[in-house]
Amino acid sequence: NRTANIALLNYIDGEKRYILCPDNLKIGDTIICSQNAEVKYGNAMPLSIIPIGLPIHNIELKIGKGAQLAR
């Protein structure tokens, strides 16, 4: 059985995708996937720039392959 919560993202270009929902993500929140993203829950960025101690989830081993670790 799978019990993870999912979130439906609405991209600026109109595309919609589901992701595993990070803790503390609320309806209406804006999340960003970028090396320049603010460090906050839901944003995606390379592990090398995430501060030590910040909770993480959905780690991709290869870019674009999807989450493979810490799901």
C-alpha atoms as a PDB file:
ATOM      1  CA  ASN A   1       0.000   0.000   0.000  1.00  0.00           C
ATOM      2  CA  ARG A   2       1.081   3.546  -0.684  1.00  0.00           C
ATOM      3  CA  THR A   3       0.211   6.237   1.796  1.00  0.00           C
ATOM      4  CA  ALA A   4       2.096   9.321   0.601  1.00  0.00           C
ATOM      5  CA  ASN A   5       0.151  12.533   0.082  1.00  0.00           C
ATOM      6  CA  ILE A   6       0.293  13.983  -3.413  1.00  0.00           C
ATOM      7  CA  ALA A   7       0.020  17.561  -4.656  1.00  0.00           C
ATOM      8  CA  LEU A   8      -1.204  18.780  -8.043  1.00  0.00           C
ATOM      9  CA  LEU A   9       1.068  21.492  -9.429  1.00  0.00           C
ATOM     10  CA  ASN A  10      -0.178  24.065 -11.926  1.00  0.00           C
ATOM     11  CA  TYR A  11       2.736  25.365 -13.980  1.00  0.00           C
ATOM     12  CA  ILE A  12       2.814  28.861 -15.481  1.00  0.00           C
ATOM     13  CA  ASP A  13       2.570  27.394 -19.003  1.00  0.00           C
ATOM     14  CA  GLY A  14      -0.669  25.582 -18.083  1.00  0.00           C
ATOM     15  CA  GLU A  15       0.853  22.124 -17.604  1.00  0.00           C
ATOM     16  CA  LYS A  16      -0.290  20.159 -14.558  1.00  0.00           C
ATOM     17  CA  ARG A  17       1.666  17.428 -12.757  1.00  0.00           C
ATOM     18  CA  TYR A  18       1.418  15.479  -9.534  1.00  0.00           C
ATOM     19  CA  ILE A  19       4.303  15.298  -7.058  1.00  0.00           C
ATOM     20  CA  LEU A  20       4.772  13.714  -3.663  1.00  0.00           C
ATOM     21  CA  CYS A  21       3.629  16.437  -1.303  1.00  0.00           C
ATOM     22  CA  PRO A  22       6.316  17.831   0.992  1.00  0.00           C
ATOM     23  CA  ASP A  23       5.399  18.514   4.622  1.00  0.00           C
ATOM     24  CA  ASN A  24       4.042  21.999   5.295  1.00  0.00           C
ATOM     25  CA  LEU A  25       2.988  22.607   1.660  1.00  0.00           C
ATOM     26  CA  LYS A  26      -0.375  24.377   1.627  1.00  0.00           C
ATOM     27  CA  ILE A  27      -2.938  25.037  -1.096  1.00  0.00           C
ATOM     28  CA  GLY A  28      -1.897  28.146  -3.011  1.00  0.00           C
ATOM     29  CA  ASP A  29       1.811  27.917  -2.129  1.00  0.00           C
ATOM     30  CA  THR A  30       4.278  28.649  -4.909  1.00  0.00           C
ATOM     31  CA  ILE A  31       7.257  26.324  -5.257  1.00  0.00           C
ATOM     32  CA  ILE A  32      10.314  26.700  -7.470  1.00  0.00           C
ATOM     33  CA  CYS A  33      12.783  24.262  -9.019  1.00  0.00           C
ATOM     34  CA  SER A  34      16.048  26.159  -9.527  1.00  0.00           C
ATOM     35  CA  GLN A  35      19.612  26.519  -8.318  1.00  0.00           C
ATOM     36  CA  ASN A  36      18.593  30.038  -7.292  1.00  0.00           C
ATOM     37  CA  ALA A  37      15.445  28.996  -5.412  1.00  0.00           C
ATOM     38  CA  GLU A  38      14.876  30.270  -1.894  1.00  0.00           C
ATOM     39  CA  VAL A  39      15.557  27.614   0.736  1.00  0.00           C
ATOM     40  CA  LYS A  40      12.029  26.698   1.861  1.00  0.00           C
ATOM     41  CA  TYR A  41       9.794  23.641   2.037  1.00  0.00           C
ATOM     42  CA  GLY A  42       8.708  22.427  -1.384  1.00  0.00           C
ATOM     43  CA  ASN A  43      11.384  24.138  -3.466  1.00  0.00           C
ATOM     44  CA  ALA A  44      13.715  21.885  -5.458  1.00  0.00           C
ATOM     45  CA  MET A  45      17.442  22.514  -5.762  1.00  0.00           C
ATOM     46  CA  PRO A  46      20.737  20.621  -5.981  1.00  0.00           C
ATOM     47  CA  LEU A  47      21.776  18.833  -2.780  1.00  0.00           C
ATOM     48  CA  SER A  48      25.052  20.763  -2.789  1.00  0.00           C
ATOM     49  CA  ILE A  49      23.275  24.038  -1.935  1.00  0.00           C
ATOM     50  CA  ILE A  50      20.798  22.712   0.646  1.00  0.00           C
ATOM     51  CA  PRO A  51      21.909  23.683   4.171  1.00  0.00           C
ATOM     52  CA  ILE A  52      22.861  20.885   6.558  1.00  0.00           C
ATOM     53  CA  GLY A  53      19.949  19.913   8.793  1.00  0.00           C
ATOM     54  CA  LEU A  54      17.151  20.893   6.383  1.00  0.00           C
ATOM     55  CA  PRO A  55      14.711  18.003   5.796  1.00  0.00           C
ATOM     56  CA  ILE A  56      14.828  16.634   2.245  1.00  0.00           C
ATOM     57  CA  HIS A  57      12.773  14.220   0.147  1.00  0.00           C
ATOM     58  CA  ASN A  58      12.517  13.027  -3.462  1.00  0.00           C
ATOM     59  CA  ILE A  59      16.161  12.784  -4.461  1.00  0.00           C
ATOM     60  CA  GLU A  60      16.874  12.212  -8.168  1.00  0.00           C
ATOM     61  CA  LEU A  61      19.989  10.205  -8.967  1.00  0.00           C
ATOM     62  CA  LYS A  62      19.879  11.354 -12.604  1.00  0.00           C
ATOM     63  CA  ILE A  63      18.326  14.631 -13.734  1.00  0.00           C
ATOM     64  CA  GLY A  64      14.836  14.129 -15.135  1.00  0.00           C
ATOM     65  CA  LYS A  65      14.526  10.512 -13.998  1.00  0.00           C
ATOM     66  CA  GLY A  66      12.294  11.332 -11.036  1.00  0.00           C
ATOM     67  CA  ALA A  67      12.671  10.692  -7.341  1.00  0.00           C
ATOM     68  CA  GLN A  68      14.536   7.527  -6.452  1.00  0.00           C
ATOM     69  CA  LEU A  69      15.699   8.109  -2.867  1.00  0.00           C
ATOM     70  CA  ALA A  70      13.992   9.442   0.263  1.00  0.00           C
ATOM     71  CA  ARG A  71      10.512   9.142  -1.141  1.00  0.00           C
END
